[in-house]
Amino acid sequence: MSTPTTSPVVAVAYHSGHGHTAVLAEAVRDGAAAEGAVVHLISVDQITEEQWTLLDEADAIAFGSPTYMGTASAAFHKFAEDSSKRWFTHSWQDKLAAGFTNSGSKSGDKLHTLQFFTLFAAQHGMNWVNLGLHPGWNSSAASEHDINRLGFFLGAGAQSNIDEGAEAVHKADIATAEHLGRRLAQTARTFTAGRSALAEVAA
């Protein structure tokens, strides 16, 4: 018996201080939508009860924040602490998770923000989806226009000049965020199809 294919539901929960991370969040959304996912874009500093419910019902959540002072923003940390009600009830247990971040420097200690996201996801019992890309811009034949130009593996990392607005977010970083969205949606489809198949067997 064939298992019907259903569209996975992906939520993008992010905070953006000056608009740069919002551009990346939209790119993650676009990538996931291109893979047929139903996508909800949620700004965590303005989150509503209805949006908390959307997170509870999603198959996968991508977490995003700028990196400020070596970690996610205060607004994202507040969202993480507010999610403790979900932690008590295991509401996000076994969902998929991924992450993305932006800073003014090419390094900017973005790795610590991505590691914070992974620990946050692990505390909720979620399964982490990494970027799944080799690094770009690491040879004399490469360029800053390569996808994953900053060479992150854990999630998508982006760099935006501090004296430029959101319209100047690097196109390679946008493409990297789109890739993360596609990968998350693809993995969510595999997981949801597997659950459906197991449910059929059990029935």
C-alpha atoms as a PDB file:
ATOM      1  CA  MET A   1       0.000   0.000   0.000  1.00  0.00           C
ATOM      2  CA  SER A   2       1.422   3.382  -0.958  1.00  0.00           C
ATOM      3  CA  THR A   3       1.679   6.108   1.652  1.00  0.00           C
ATOM      4  CA  PRO A   4       0.043   9.393   0.593  1.00  0.00           C
ATOM      5  CA  THR A   5       2.437  12.309   0.403  1.00  0.00           C
ATOM      6  CA  THR A   6       1.421  15.266   2.549  1.00  0.00           C
ATOM      7  CA  SER A   7       3.011  18.678   2.606  1.00  0.00           C
ATOM      8  CA  PRO A   8       5.271  19.140   5.626  1.00  0.00           C
ATOM      9  CA  VAL A   9       4.679  22.175   7.821  1.00  0.00           C
ATOM     10  CA  VAL A  10       7.730  24.338   8.497  1.00  0.00           C
ATOM     11  CA  ALA A  11       7.814  27.314  10.868  1.00  0.00           C
ATOM     12  CA  VAL A  12      10.552  29.955  10.770  1.00  0.00           C
ATOM     13  CA  ALA A  13      10.860  31.513  14.224  1.00  0.00           C
ATOM     14  CA  TYR A  14      13.248  34.451  14.147  1.00  0.00           C
ATOM     15  CA  HIS A  15      14.210  37.830  15.553  1.00  0.00           C
ATOM     16  CA  SER A  16      15.717  40.595  13.441  1.00  0.00           C
ATOM     17  CA  GLY A  17      17.173  43.730  14.946  1.00  0.00           C
ATOM     18  CA  HIS A  18      17.793  45.778  11.797  1.00  0.00           C
ATOM     19  CA  GLY A  19      16.187  43.738   9.029  1.00  0.00           C
ATOM     20  CA  HIS A  20      19.160  41.648   7.882  1.00  0.00           C
ATOM     21  CA  THR A  21      18.064  38.467   9.649  1.00  0.00           C
ATOM     22  CA  ALA A  22      14.514  38.996   8.393  1.00  0.00           C
ATOM     23  CA  VAL A  23      15.877  38.764   4.837  1.00  0.00           C
ATOM     24  CA  LEU A  24      17.450  35.415   5.724  1.00  0.00           C
ATOM     25  CA  ALA A  25      14.226  34.230   7.375  1.00  0.00           C
ATOM     26  CA  GLU A  26      12.329  35.035   4.191  1.00  0.00           C
ATOM     27  CA  ALA A  27      14.945  33.100   2.195  1.00  0.00           C
ATOM     28  CA  VAL A  28      14.528  30.049   4.456  1.00  0.00           C
ATOM     29  CA  ARG A  29      10.770  30.372   3.959  1.00  0.00           C
ATOM     30  CA  ASP A  30      11.154  30.581   0.191  1.00  0.00           C
ATOM     31  CA  GLY A  31      13.426  27.551   0.080  1.00  0.00           C
ATOM     32  CA  ALA A  32      11.037  25.452   2.157  1.00  0.00           C
ATOM     33  CA  ALA A  33       8.041  26.603   0.106  1.00  0.00           C
ATOM     34  CA  ALA A  34       9.855  25.663  -3.112  1.00  0.00           C
ATOM     35  CA  GLU A  35       9.931  22.097  -1.787  1.00  0.00           C
ATOM     36  CA  GLY A  36       6.175  22.134  -1.291  1.00  0.00           C
ATOM     37  CA  ALA A  37       6.119  22.852   2.443  1.00  0.00           C
ATOM     38  CA  VAL A  38       3.473  24.934   4.156  1.00  0.00           C
ATOM     39  CA  VAL A  39       5.539  27.651   5.831  1.00  0.00           C
ATOM     40  CA  HIS A  40       4.773  30.032   8.701  1.00  0.00           C
ATOM     41  CA  LEU A  41       7.059  33.041   9.219  1.00  0.00           C
ATOM     42  CA  ILE A  42       7.005  34.109  12.885  1.00  0.00           C
ATOM     43  CA  SER A  43       8.781  37.122  14.367  1.00  0.00           C
ATOM     44  CA  VAL A  44       9.375  36.003  17.954  1.00  0.00           C
ATOM     45  CA  ASP A  45       9.423  39.490  19.460  1.00  0.00           C
ATOM     46  CA  GLN A  46       5.787  39.916  18.350  1.00  0.00           C
ATOM     47  CA  ILE A  47       4.603  36.338  18.778  1.00  0.00           C
ATOM     48  CA  THR A  48       0.908  35.705  19.437  1.00  0.00           C
ATOM     49  CA  GLU A  49      -0.860  32.762  21.065  1.00  0.00           C
ATOM     50  CA  GLU A  50      -2.040  31.698  17.624  1.00  0.00           C
ATOM     51  CA  GLN A  51       1.572  31.631  16.431  1.00  0.00           C
ATOM     52  CA  TRP A  52       2.649  29.561  19.437  1.00  0.00           C
ATOM     53  CA  THR A  53       0.025  27.066  18.296  1.00  0.00           C
ATOM     54  CA  LEU A  54       1.485  27.117  14.775  1.00  0.00           C
ATOM     55  CA  LEU A  55       4.862  26.207  16.259  1.00  0.00           C
ATOM     56  CA  ASP A  56       3.262  23.379  18.245  1.00  0.00           C
ATOM     57  CA  GLU A  57       1.667  21.996  15.082  1.00  0.00           C
ATOM     58  CA  ALA A  58       4.716  22.342  12.789  1.00  0.00           C
ATOM     59  CA  ASP A  59       6.795  19.385  11.668  1.00  0.00           C
ATOM     60  CA  ALA A  60       9.966  21.478  11.683  1.00  0.00           C
ATOM     61  CA  ILE A  61      11.131  24.806  13.094  1.00  0.00           C
ATOM     62  CA  ALA A  62      14.010  26.926  11.800  1.00  0.00           C
ATOM     63  CA  PHE A  63      15.405  29.247  14.481  1.00  0.00           C
ATOM     64  CA  GLY A  64      17.025  32.531  13.438  1.00  0.00           C
ATOM     65  CA  SER A  65      18.615  35.496  15.173  1.00  0.00           C
ATOM     66  CA  PRO A  66      21.370  38.028  14.689  1.00  0.00           C
ATOM     67  CA  THR A  67      24.485  37.342  16.712  1.00  0.00           C
ATOM     68  CA  TYR A  68      24.881  40.060  19.339  1.00  0.00           C
ATOM     69  CA  MET A  69      27.778  39.930  21.802  1.00  0.00           C
ATOM     70  CA  GLY A  70      28.533  36.341  20.849  1.00  0.00           C
ATOM     71  CA  THR A  71      25.057  34.864  21.161  1.00  0.00           C
ATOM     72  CA  ALA A  72      21.474  35.193  19.976  1.00  0.00           C
ATOM     73  CA  SER A  73      19.664  38.454  20.644  1.00  0.00           C
ATOM     74  CA  ALA A  74      17.900  39.210  23.928  1.00  0.00           C
ATOM     75  CA  ALA A  75      14.549  38.986  22.136  1.00  0.00           C
ATOM     76  CA  PHE A  76      15.325  35.474  20.942  1.00  0.00           C
ATOM     77  CA  HIS A  77      16.543  34.447  24.402  1.00  0.00           C
ATOM     78  CA  LYS A  78      13.232  35.662  25.835  1.00  0.00           C
ATOM     79  CA  PHE A  79      11.369  33.554  23.275  1.00  0.00           C
ATOM     80  CA  ALA A  80      13.506  30.557  24.247  1.00  0.00           C
ATOM     81  CA  GLU A  81      12.700  31.061  27.929  1.00  0.00           C
ATOM     82  CA  ASP A  82       9.007  31.563  27.151  1.00  0.00           C
ATOM     83  CA  SER A  83       9.022  28.199  25.362  1.00  0.00           C
ATOM     84  CA  SER A  84       9.512  26.463  28.710  1.00  0.00           C
ATOM     85  CA  LYS A  85       5.771  25.680  28.814  1.00  0.00           C
ATOM     86  CA  ARG A  86       6.363  23.547  25.728  1.00  0.00           C
ATOM     87  CA  TRP A  87       9.368  21.927  27.408  1.00  0.00           C
ATOM     88  CA  PHE A  88       7.233  20.787  30.357  1.00  0.00           C
ATOM     89  CA  THR A  89       4.657  19.175  28.070  1.00  0.00           C
ATOM     90  CA  HIS A  90       7.100  17.821  25.430  1.00  0.00           C
ATOM     91  CA  SER A  91       5.138  19.762  22.790  1.00  0.00           C
ATOM     92  CA  TRP A  92       8.115  19.977  20.415  1.00  0.00           C
ATOM     93  CA  GLN A  93       9.471  16.488  21.078  1.00  0.00           C
ATOM     94  CA  ASP A  94      10.786  14.812  17.875  1.00  0.00           C
ATOM     95  CA  LYS A  95      10.185  17.825  15.638  1.00  0.00           C
ATOM     96  CA  LEU A  96      12.994  18.809  13.281  1.00  0.00           C
ATOM     97  CA  ALA A  97      15.047  21.942  13.924  1.00  0.00           C
ATOM     98  CA  ALA A  98      17.582  24.048  12.034  1.00  0.00           C
ATOM     99  CA  GLY A  99      19.187  27.455  12.531  1.00  0.00           C
ATOM    100  CA  PHE A 100      20.597  30.549  10.867  1.00  0.00           C
ATOM    101  CA  THR A 101      22.297  33.720  12.042  1.00  0.00           C
ATOM    102  CA  ASN A 102      23.875  36.954  10.825  1.00  0.00           C
ATOM    103  CA  SER A 103      26.587  39.227  12.181  1.00  0.00           C
ATOM    104  CA  GLY A 104      28.603  42.233  11.068  1.00  0.00           C
ATOM    105  CA  SER A 105      31.886  40.325  11.053  1.00  0.00           C
ATOM    106  CA  LYS A 106      32.664  37.329   8.892  1.00  0.00           C
ATOM    107  CA  SER A 107      33.205  35.232  12.008  1.00  0.00           C
ATOM    108  CA  GLY A 108      31.485  37.355  14.625  1.00  0.00           C
ATOM    109  CA  ASP A 109      31.247  34.312  16.933  1.00  0.00           C
ATOM    110  CA  LYS A 110      28.243  33.111  14.924  1.00  0.00           C
ATOM    111  CA  LEU A 111      29.145  29.508  15.740  1.00  0.00           C
ATOM    112  CA  HIS A 112      28.176  30.118  19.358  1.00  0.00           C
ATOM    113  CA  THR A 113      24.704  31.280  18.300  1.00  0.00           C
ATOM    114  CA  LEU A 114      24.218  28.167  16.159  1.00  0.00           C
ATOM    115  CA  GLN A 115      25.402  26.015  19.065  1.00  0.00           C
ATOM    116  CA  PHE A 116      22.915  27.785  21.326  1.00  0.00           C
ATOM    117  CA  PHE A 117      20.158  26.898  18.857  1.00  0.00           C
ATOM    118  CA  THR A 118      21.210  23.244  18.809  1.00  0.00           C
ATOM    119  CA  LEU A 119      21.220  23.034  22.606  1.00  0.00           C
ATOM    120  CA  PHE A 120      17.860  24.790  22.764  1.00  0.00           C
ATOM    121  CA  ALA A 121      16.474  22.287  20.251  1.00  0.00           C
ATOM    122  CA  ALA A 122      18.012  19.365  22.142  1.00  0.00           C
ATOM    123  CA  GLN A 123      16.385  20.473  25.389  1.00  0.00           C
ATOM    124  CA  HIS A 124      13.059  20.258  23.583  1.00  0.00           C
ATOM    125  CA  GLY A 125      13.942  16.783  22.272  1.00  0.00           C
ATOM    126  CA  MET A 126      14.105  17.987  18.669  1.00  0.00           C
ATOM    127  CA  ASN A 127      16.244  16.511  15.875  1.00  0.00           C
ATOM    128  CA  TRP A 128      18.806  18.876  14.353  1.00  0.00           C
ATOM    129  CA  VAL A 129      19.156  19.299  10.584  1.00  0.00           C
ATOM    130  CA  ASN A 130      22.552  20.664   9.560  1.00  0.00           C
ATOM    131  CA  LEU A 131      23.360  22.724   6.482  1.00  0.00           C
ATOM    132  CA  GLY A 132      24.637  19.780   4.453  1.00  0.00           C
ATOM    133  CA  LEU A 133      26.996  21.834   2.283  1.00  0.00           C
ATOM    134  CA  HIS A 134      30.724  21.885   1.708  1.00  0.00           C
ATOM    135  CA  PRO A 135      32.289  25.291   2.435  1.00  0.00           C
ATOM    136  CA  GLY A 136      32.738  27.785  -0.367  1.00  0.00           C
ATOM    137  CA  TRP A 137      35.312  30.540  -0.872  1.00  0.00           C
ATOM    138  CA  ASN A 138      38.203  28.430   0.438  1.00  0.00           C
ATOM    139  CA  SER A 139      40.537  28.265  -2.556  1.00  0.00           C
ATOM    140  CA  SER A 140      42.166  30.606  -5.047  1.00  0.00           C
ATOM    141  CA  ALA A 141      39.590  29.562  -7.652  1.00  0.00           C
ATOM    142  CA  ALA A 142      36.649  30.253  -5.323  1.00  0.00           C
ATOM    143  CA  SER A 143      34.896  33.548  -4.630  1.00  0.00           C
ATOM    144  CA  GLU A 144      32.720  35.345  -2.111  1.00  0.00           C
ATOM    145  CA  HIS A 145      29.764  34.565  -4.355  1.00  0.00           C
ATOM    146  CA  ASP A 146      29.960  30.854  -3.522  1.00  0.00           C
ATOM    147  CA  ILE A 147      27.093  29.319  -1.592  1.00  0.00           C
ATOM    148  CA  ASN A 148      28.107  28.760   2.049  1.00  0.00           C
ATOM    149  CA  ARG A 149      30.872  31.300   1.484  1.00  0.00           C
ATOM    150  CA  LEU A 150      31.547  31.564   5.236  1.00  0.00           C
ATOM    151  CA  GLY A 151      32.040  27.826   5.646  1.00  0.00           C
ATOM    152  CA  PHE A 152      29.498  26.854   8.318  1.00  0.00           C
ATOM    153  CA  PHE A 153      28.255  23.303   8.772  1.00  0.00           C
ATOM    154  CA  LEU A 154      25.879  23.468  11.742  1.00  0.00           C
ATOM    155  CA  GLY A 155      23.523  25.976  10.115  1.00  0.00           C
ATOM    156  CA  ALA A 156      23.470  28.970   7.795  1.00  0.00           C
ATOM    157  CA  GLY A 157      25.797  31.837   8.658  1.00  0.00           C
ATOM    158  CA  ALA A 158      25.648  35.279   7.030  1.00  0.00           C
ATOM    159  CA  GLN A 159      27.632  38.501   7.221  1.00  0.00           C
ATOM    160  CA  SER A 160      26.198  41.970   6.643  1.00  0.00           C
ATOM    161  CA  ASN A 161      28.116  45.241   6.767  1.00  0.00           C
ATOM    162  CA  ILE A 162      27.083  47.267   9.795  1.00  0.00           C
ATOM    163  CA  ASP A 163      26.802  50.483   7.788  1.00  0.00           C
ATOM    164  CA  GLU A 164      24.425  49.028   5.185  1.00  0.00           C
ATOM    165  CA  GLY A 165      20.743  48.180   5.372  1.00  0.00           C
ATOM    166  CA  ALA A 166      18.895  44.946   4.844  1.00  0.00           C
ATOM    167  CA  GLU A 167      18.855  45.471   1.079  1.00  0.00           C
ATOM    168  CA  ALA A 168      22.620  44.805   1.077  1.00  0.00           C
ATOM    169  CA  VAL A 169      22.460  41.265   2.538  1.00  0.00           C
ATOM    170  CA  HIS A 170      24.874  39.227   0.433  1.00  0.00           C
ATOM    171  CA  LYS A 171      23.196  37.217  -2.325  1.00  0.00           C
ATOM    172  CA  ALA A 172      25.351  34.182  -1.536  1.00  0.00           C
ATOM    173  CA  ASP A 173      24.120  34.254   2.057  1.00  0.00           C
ATOM    174  CA  ILE A 174      20.524  34.490   0.850  1.00  0.00           C
ATOM    175  CA  ALA A 175      21.125  31.474  -1.406  1.00  0.00           C
ATOM    176  CA  THR A 176      22.625  29.587   1.539  1.00  0.00           C
ATOM    177  CA  ALA A 177      19.559  30.329   3.670  1.00  0.00           C
ATOM    178  CA  GLU A 178      17.306  29.185   0.822  1.00  0.00           C
ATOM    179  CA  HIS A 179      19.262  25.936   0.685  1.00  0.00           C
ATOM    180  CA  LEU A 180      18.722  25.447   4.426  1.00  0.00           C
ATOM    181  CA  GLY A 181      14.975  25.911   3.942  1.00  0.00           C
ATOM    182  CA  ARG A 182      14.901  23.370   1.121  1.00  0.00           C
ATOM    183  CA  ARG A 183      16.922  20.858   3.124  1.00  0.00           C
ATOM    184  CA  LEU A 184      14.706  21.259   6.178  1.00  0.00           C
ATOM    185  CA  ALA A 185      11.540  20.786   4.111  1.00  0.00           C
ATOM    186  CA  GLN A 186      12.976  17.754   2.313  1.00  0.00           C
ATOM    187  CA  THR A 187      13.931  16.137   5.604  1.00  0.00           C
ATOM    188  CA  ALA A 188      10.536  16.966   7.100  1.00  0.00           C
ATOM    189  CA  ARG A 189       8.824  15.288   4.141  1.00  0.00           C
ATOM    190  CA  THR A 190      10.887  12.143   4.729  1.00  0.00           C
ATOM    191  CA  PHE A 191      10.012  12.130   8.430  1.00  0.00           C
ATOM    192  CA  THR A 192       6.301  12.722   7.907  1.00  0.00           C
ATOM    193  CA  ALA A 193       6.130  10.045   5.200  1.00  0.00           C
ATOM    194  CA  GLY A 194       7.905   7.632   7.531  1.00  0.00           C
ATOM    195  CA  ARG A 195       5.447   8.315  10.339  1.00  0.00           C
ATOM    196  CA  SER A 196       2.521   7.776   7.946  1.00  0.00           C
ATOM    197  CA  ALA A 197       4.005   4.507   6.764  1.00  0.00           C
ATOM    198  CA  LEU A 198       4.509   3.298  10.327  1.00  0.00           C
ATOM    199  CA  ALA A 199       0.927   4.282  11.169  1.00  0.00           C
ATOM    200  CA  GLU A 200      -0.313   2.222   8.222  1.00  0.00           C
ATOM    201  CA  VAL A 201       1.687  -0.795   9.354  1.00  0.00           C
ATOM    202  CA  ALA A 202       0.391  -0.431  12.903  1.00  0.00           C
ATOM    203  CA  ALA A 203      -3.187  -0.188  11.606  1.00  0.00           C
END
